[in-house]
Amino acid sequence: MFRSLPIRSVAHLVVWGALLASAPSAFADTATLTINGRVLPGTCTLTAPAITLDPVRANDLVQGDNQVKAGALNFAGCVGVTRATLSFDGTAADGDAERWKNTASTGPADGVSVALLAGATGTTYLKRGDSGIVVPVTGATASYALRAGYYLPVLGGLTAGAVQTEITVTAAYD
């Protein structure tokens, strides 16, 4: 036998419908969302403005460093960094691991190389393979002074021409 429930009003019908609609579904499912991450040390933006050496006459060069000119490696936008550790790579001068080879592709000068010196003063050469050079970073900027110049290893055997070298500087941040 079929038995019906008395409906007293339309309001009861609406209430019963709402109760049935809000009842949990028999096919409900749950999942756990896992989110992983890691906060890494900060970083800076390293720029190495070109150092343009002044032209020099071949007969004005003396043995050793010549026409040394100041330059700098600049760090900007530093966040979460207390120091940068530098390393240098490129092509060493032929027979002279202390200096950099003249790699000018068009009309290169022969018998001359490039000296790169650490700091605003002093005689410490920065050479291929140097690493562990620490630059303290305070705030959002830092700078590392250096100097570059022509280097004449011996008198004689010098021919005029272009001088150029490219040095890759890598900074690791702590």
C-alpha atoms as a PDB file:
ATOM      1  CA  MET A   1       0.000   0.000   0.000  1.00  0.00           C
ATOM      2  CA  PHE A   2       1.034   3.433  -0.751  1.00  0.00           C
ATOM      3  CA  ARG A   3       0.688   5.927   2.007  1.00  0.00           C
ATOM      4  CA  SER A   4       1.026   9.612   1.517  1.00  0.00           C
ATOM      5  CA  LEU A   5       1.921  12.204   4.078  1.00  0.00           C
ATOM      6  CA  PRO A   6      -0.483  15.006   4.476  1.00  0.00           C
ATOM      7  CA  ILE A   7       0.860  18.298   3.194  1.00  0.00           C
ATOM      8  CA  ARG A   8      -0.598  21.065   5.214  1.00  0.00           C
ATOM      9  CA  SER A   9       0.668  23.874   3.083  1.00  0.00           C
ATOM     10  CA  VAL A  10       2.993  24.864   0.326  1.00  0.00           C
ATOM     11  CA  ALA A  11       5.410  26.087   3.018  1.00  0.00           C
ATOM     12  CA  HIS A  12       5.829  22.512   4.313  1.00  0.00           C
ATOM     13  CA  LEU A  13       6.600  21.328   0.799  1.00  0.00           C
ATOM     14  CA  VAL A  14       9.351  23.983   0.457  1.00  0.00           C
ATOM     15  CA  VAL A  15      10.868  23.019   3.848  1.00  0.00           C
ATOM     16  CA  TRP A  16      10.913  19.292   2.920  1.00  0.00           C
ATOM     17  CA  GLY A  17      12.554  20.145  -0.440  1.00  0.00           C
ATOM     18  CA  ALA A  18      15.239  22.228   1.245  1.00  0.00           C
ATOM     19  CA  LEU A  19      16.020  19.455   3.718  1.00  0.00           C
ATOM     20  CA  LEU A  20      16.379  16.885   0.967  1.00  0.00           C
ATOM     21  CA  ALA A  21      18.613  19.215  -1.125  1.00  0.00           C
ATOM     22  CA  SER A  22      20.993  19.866   1.776  1.00  0.00           C
ATOM     23  CA  ALA A  23      21.378  16.225   2.759  1.00  0.00           C
ATOM     24  CA  PRO A  24      24.929  14.859   2.194  1.00  0.00           C
ATOM     25  CA  SER A  25      25.456  13.012  -1.046  1.00  0.00           C
ATOM     26  CA  ALA A  26      26.376   9.352  -0.849  1.00  0.00           C
ATOM     27  CA  PHE A  27      29.211   9.960  -3.331  1.00  0.00           C
ATOM     28  CA  ALA A  28      31.127  12.782  -1.556  1.00  0.00           C
ATOM     29  CA  ASP A  29      34.922  12.846  -1.830  1.00  0.00           C
ATOM     30  CA  THR A  30      37.678  14.805  -0.074  1.00  0.00           C
ATOM     31  CA  ALA A  31      41.342  15.483  -0.870  1.00  0.00           C
ATOM     32  CA  THR A  32      44.249  17.090   0.950  1.00  0.00           C
ATOM     33  CA  LEU A  33      46.151  19.784  -0.901  1.00  0.00           C
ATOM     34  CA  THR A  34      49.846  19.822   0.060  1.00  0.00           C
ATOM     35  CA  ILE A  35      51.944  22.896  -0.728  1.00  0.00           C
ATOM     36  CA  ASN A  36      55.748  22.805  -0.495  1.00  0.00           C
ATOM     37  CA  GLY A  37      58.301  25.552  -0.949  1.00  0.00           C
ATOM     38  CA  ARG A  38      61.695  26.823   0.049  1.00  0.00           C
ATOM     39  CA  VAL A  39      63.003  30.287   0.776  1.00  0.00           C
ATOM     40  CA  LEU A  40      66.392  30.677  -0.879  1.00  0.00           C
ATOM     41  CA  PRO A  41      69.094  33.197  -0.169  1.00  0.00           C
ATOM     42  CA  GLY A  42      68.521  36.474  -1.939  1.00  0.00           C
ATOM     43  CA  THR A  43      70.162  37.836  -5.012  1.00  0.00           C
ATOM     44  CA  CYS A  44      71.410  41.032  -6.607  1.00  0.00           C
ATOM     45  CA  THR A  45      71.739  42.307 -10.154  1.00  0.00           C
ATOM     46  CA  LEU A  46      75.418  42.386 -11.138  1.00  0.00           C
ATOM     47  CA  THR A  47      76.592  44.835 -13.778  1.00  0.00           C
ATOM     48  CA  ALA A  48      80.107  45.147 -15.135  1.00  0.00           C
ATOM     49  CA  PRO A  49      80.436  48.403 -17.075  1.00  0.00           C
ATOM     50  CA  ALA A  50      83.095  48.229 -19.804  1.00  0.00           C
ATOM     51  CA  ILE A  51      86.458  49.766 -19.037  1.00  0.00           C
ATOM     52  CA  THR A  52      87.675  51.653 -22.093  1.00  0.00           C
ATOM     53  CA  LEU A  53      91.412  52.162 -21.984  1.00  0.00           C
ATOM     54  CA  ASP A  54      92.781  55.384 -23.409  1.00  0.00           C
ATOM     55  CA  PRO A  55      94.723  54.968 -26.667  1.00  0.00           C
ATOM     56  CA  VAL A  56      98.460  54.802 -26.185  1.00  0.00           C
ATOM     57  CA  ARG A  57     101.371  54.979 -28.634  1.00  0.00           C
ATOM     58  CA  ALA A  58     103.330  51.736 -28.929  1.00  0.00           C
ATOM     59  CA  ASN A  59     106.617  53.545 -28.204  1.00  0.00           C
ATOM     60  CA  ASP A  60     105.137  55.055 -24.990  1.00  0.00           C
ATOM     61  CA  LEU A  61     104.508  51.646 -23.402  1.00  0.00           C
ATOM     62  CA  VAL A  62     106.949  50.464 -20.760  1.00  0.00           C
ATOM     63  CA  GLN A  63     107.440  46.980 -19.447  1.00  0.00           C
ATOM     64  CA  GLY A  64     104.650  46.179 -16.932  1.00  0.00           C
ATOM     65  CA  ASP A  65     101.309  47.905 -16.351  1.00  0.00           C
ATOM     66  CA  ASN A  66     100.397  50.922 -18.509  1.00  0.00           C
ATOM     67  CA  GLN A  67      97.532  53.416 -18.645  1.00  0.00           C
ATOM     68  CA  VAL A  68      95.687  51.759 -15.719  1.00  0.00           C
ATOM     69  CA  LYS A  69      92.088  52.928 -15.485  1.00  0.00           C
ATOM     70  CA  ALA A  70      89.553  52.512 -12.660  1.00  0.00           C
ATOM     71  CA  GLY A  71      86.390  50.449 -12.992  1.00  0.00           C
ATOM     72  CA  ALA A  72      83.935  48.646 -10.747  1.00  0.00           C
ATOM     73  CA  LEU A  73      81.562  45.738 -10.515  1.00  0.00           C
ATOM     74  CA  ASN A  74      78.220  47.047  -9.277  1.00  0.00           C
ATOM     75  CA  PHE A  75      75.525  45.198  -7.388  1.00  0.00           C
ATOM     76  CA  ALA A  76      71.986  46.624  -7.251  1.00  0.00           C
ATOM     77  CA  GLY A  77      68.553  45.470  -6.128  1.00  0.00           C
ATOM     78  CA  CYS A  78      70.046  43.232  -3.453  1.00  0.00           C
ATOM     79  CA  VAL A  79      67.497  41.436  -1.306  1.00  0.00           C
ATOM     80  CA  GLY A  80      68.416  39.001   1.464  1.00  0.00           C
ATOM     81  CA  VAL A  81      72.130  39.203   0.659  1.00  0.00           C
ATOM     82  CA  THR A  82      74.983  39.910   3.070  1.00  0.00           C
ATOM     83  CA  ARG A  83      77.855  39.117   0.718  1.00  0.00           C
ATOM     84  CA  ALA A  84      78.722  38.204  -2.843  1.00  0.00           C
ATOM     85  CA  THR A  85      81.583  35.841  -3.622  1.00  0.00           C
ATOM     86  CA  LEU A  86      83.258  36.457  -6.989  1.00  0.00           C
ATOM     87  CA  SER A  87      85.071  34.194  -9.410  1.00  0.00           C
ATOM     88  CA  PHE A  88      86.786  35.085 -12.696  1.00  0.00           C
ATOM     89  CA  ASP A  89      87.129  33.190 -15.966  1.00  0.00           C
ATOM     90  CA  GLY A  90      88.339  33.952 -19.471  1.00  0.00           C
ATOM     91  CA  THR A  91      91.440  33.439 -21.590  1.00  0.00           C
ATOM     92  CA  ALA A  92      94.799  33.883 -19.896  1.00  0.00           C
ATOM     93  CA  ALA A  93      97.567  35.601 -21.822  1.00  0.00           C
ATOM     94  CA  ASP A  94      99.934  33.264 -23.665  1.00  0.00           C
ATOM     95  CA  GLY A  95     102.653  32.214 -21.225  1.00  0.00           C
ATOM     96  CA  ASP A  96     101.326  34.588 -18.514  1.00  0.00           C
ATOM     97  CA  ALA A  97      98.627  33.244 -16.198  1.00  0.00           C
ATOM     98  CA  GLU A  98      98.545  36.568 -14.285  1.00  0.00           C
ATOM     99  CA  ARG A  99      97.141  38.589 -17.209  1.00  0.00           C
ATOM    100  CA  TRP A 100      94.399  38.281 -19.847  1.00  0.00           C
ATOM    101  CA  LYS A 101      94.942  37.537 -23.534  1.00  0.00           C
ATOM    102  CA  ASN A 102      94.275  40.226 -26.120  1.00  0.00           C
ATOM    103  CA  THR A 103      91.400  38.620 -28.036  1.00  0.00           C
ATOM    104  CA  ALA A 104      90.580  41.517 -30.374  1.00  0.00           C
ATOM    105  CA  SER A 105      89.263  39.934 -33.560  1.00  0.00           C
ATOM    106  CA  THR A 106      90.035  42.763 -35.964  1.00  0.00           C
ATOM    107  CA  GLY A 107      93.564  44.109 -36.257  1.00  0.00           C
ATOM    108  CA  PRO A 108      94.811  42.995 -32.826  1.00  0.00           C
ATOM    109  CA  ALA A 109      97.947  44.464 -31.280  1.00  0.00           C
ATOM    110  CA  ASP A 110     100.618  41.854 -30.800  1.00  0.00           C
ATOM    111  CA  GLY A 111     102.906  41.564 -27.767  1.00  0.00           C
ATOM    112  CA  VAL A 112     100.497  43.242 -25.322  1.00  0.00           C
ATOM    113  CA  SER A 113      97.954  41.782 -22.907  1.00  0.00           C
ATOM    114  CA  VAL A 114      95.493  43.166 -20.355  1.00  0.00           C
ATOM    115  CA  ALA A 115      96.122  43.532 -16.631  1.00  0.00           C
ATOM    116  CA  LEU A 116      93.160  43.424 -14.225  1.00  0.00           C
ATOM    117  CA  LEU A 117      93.955  44.589 -10.711  1.00  0.00           C
ATOM    118  CA  ALA A 118      91.906  44.180  -7.522  1.00  0.00           C
ATOM    119  CA  GLY A 119      90.787  47.275  -5.634  1.00  0.00           C
ATOM    120  CA  ALA A 120      91.341  50.981  -6.148  1.00  0.00           C
ATOM    121  CA  THR A 121      95.035  50.593  -5.251  1.00  0.00           C
ATOM    122  CA  GLY A 122      97.544  47.787  -4.873  1.00  0.00           C
ATOM    123  CA  THR A 123      99.292  45.266  -7.076  1.00  0.00           C
ATOM    124  CA  THR A 124      97.096  42.169  -6.736  1.00  0.00           C
ATOM    125  CA  TYR A 125      96.161  40.836 -10.158  1.00  0.00           C
ATOM    126  CA  LEU A 126      92.768  39.242 -10.770  1.00  0.00           C
ATOM    127  CA  LYS A 127      93.372  36.280 -13.037  1.00  0.00           C
ATOM    128  CA  ARG A 128      91.615  33.314 -14.639  1.00  0.00           C
ATOM    129  CA  GLY A 129      90.471  30.883 -11.957  1.00  0.00           C
ATOM    130  CA  ASP A 130      90.507  33.374  -9.100  1.00  0.00           C
ATOM    131  CA  SER A 131      87.598  32.732  -6.760  1.00  0.00           C
ATOM    132  CA  GLY A 132      86.530  33.362  -3.193  1.00  0.00           C
ATOM    133  CA  ILE A 133      86.762  37.140  -3.484  1.00  0.00           C
ATOM    134  CA  VAL A 134      84.180  38.410  -0.999  1.00  0.00           C
ATOM    135  CA  VAL A 135      82.237  41.636  -1.480  1.00  0.00           C
ATOM    136  CA  PRO A 136      80.244  42.724   1.612  1.00  0.00           C
ATOM    137  CA  VAL A 137      76.673  43.783   0.810  1.00  0.00           C
ATOM    138  CA  THR A 138      74.875  46.214   3.099  1.00  0.00           C
ATOM    139  CA  GLY A 139      71.440  47.315   2.048  1.00  0.00           C
ATOM    140  CA  ALA A 140      70.379  47.050  -1.576  1.00  0.00           C
ATOM    141  CA  THR A 141      73.711  47.915  -3.260  1.00  0.00           C
ATOM    142  CA  ALA A 142      77.416  47.124  -3.227  1.00  0.00           C
ATOM    143  CA  SER A 143      80.450  47.798  -5.379  1.00  0.00           C
ATOM    144  CA  TYR A 144      83.806  46.146  -5.992  1.00  0.00           C
ATOM    145  CA  ALA A 145      86.576  48.435  -7.236  1.00  0.00           C
ATOM    146  CA  LEU A 146      89.056  47.184  -9.790  1.00  0.00           C
ATOM    147  CA  ARG A 147      91.437  48.571 -12.412  1.00  0.00           C
ATOM    148  CA  ALA A 148      92.494  47.534 -15.887  1.00  0.00           C
ATOM    149  CA  GLY A 149      95.368  48.517 -18.121  1.00  0.00           C
ATOM    150  CA  TYR A 150      97.667  47.485 -20.921  1.00  0.00           C
ATOM    151  CA  TYR A 151     100.389  45.051 -19.912  1.00  0.00           C
ATOM    152  CA  LEU A 152     103.683  44.803 -21.768  1.00  0.00           C
ATOM    153  CA  PRO A 153     105.566  41.657 -20.695  1.00  0.00           C
ATOM    154  CA  VAL A 154     108.836  42.505 -22.461  1.00  0.00           C
ATOM    155  CA  LEU A 155     110.202  45.368 -24.509  1.00  0.00           C
ATOM    156  CA  GLY A 156     110.278  44.703 -28.232  1.00  0.00           C
ATOM    157  CA  GLY A 157     108.041  42.564 -30.398  1.00  0.00           C
ATOM    158  CA  LEU A 158     105.124  44.960 -30.043  1.00  0.00           C
ATOM    159  CA  THR A 159     102.878  45.804 -32.989  1.00  0.00           C
ATOM    160  CA  ALA A 160     100.126  48.414 -32.931  1.00  0.00           C
ATOM    161  CA  GLY A 161      96.477  47.400 -33.096  1.00  0.00           C
ATOM    162  CA  ALA A 162      93.280  46.830 -31.142  1.00  0.00           C
ATOM    163  CA  VAL A 163      93.223  45.508 -27.591  1.00  0.00           C
ATOM    164  CA  GLN A 164      90.237  43.700 -26.122  1.00  0.00           C
ATOM    165  CA  THR A 165      89.482  40.890 -23.711  1.00  0.00           C
ATOM    166  CA  GLU A 166      86.344  39.464 -22.178  1.00  0.00           C
ATOM    167  CA  ILE A 167      86.282  38.238 -18.601  1.00  0.00           C
ATOM    168  CA  THR A 168      83.356  36.345 -17.139  1.00  0.00           C
ATOM    169  CA  VAL A 169      82.628  37.346 -13.564  1.00  0.00           C
ATOM    170  CA  THR A 170      80.345  35.077 -11.557  1.00  0.00           C
ATOM    171  CA  ALA A 171      78.804  36.135  -8.233  1.00  0.00           C
ATOM    172  CA  ALA A 172      77.430  33.661  -5.697  1.00  0.00           C
ATOM    173  CA  TYR A 173      75.240  35.206  -3.003  1.00  0.00           C
ATOM    174  CA  ASP A 174      74.939  34.491   0.723  1.00  0.00           C
END
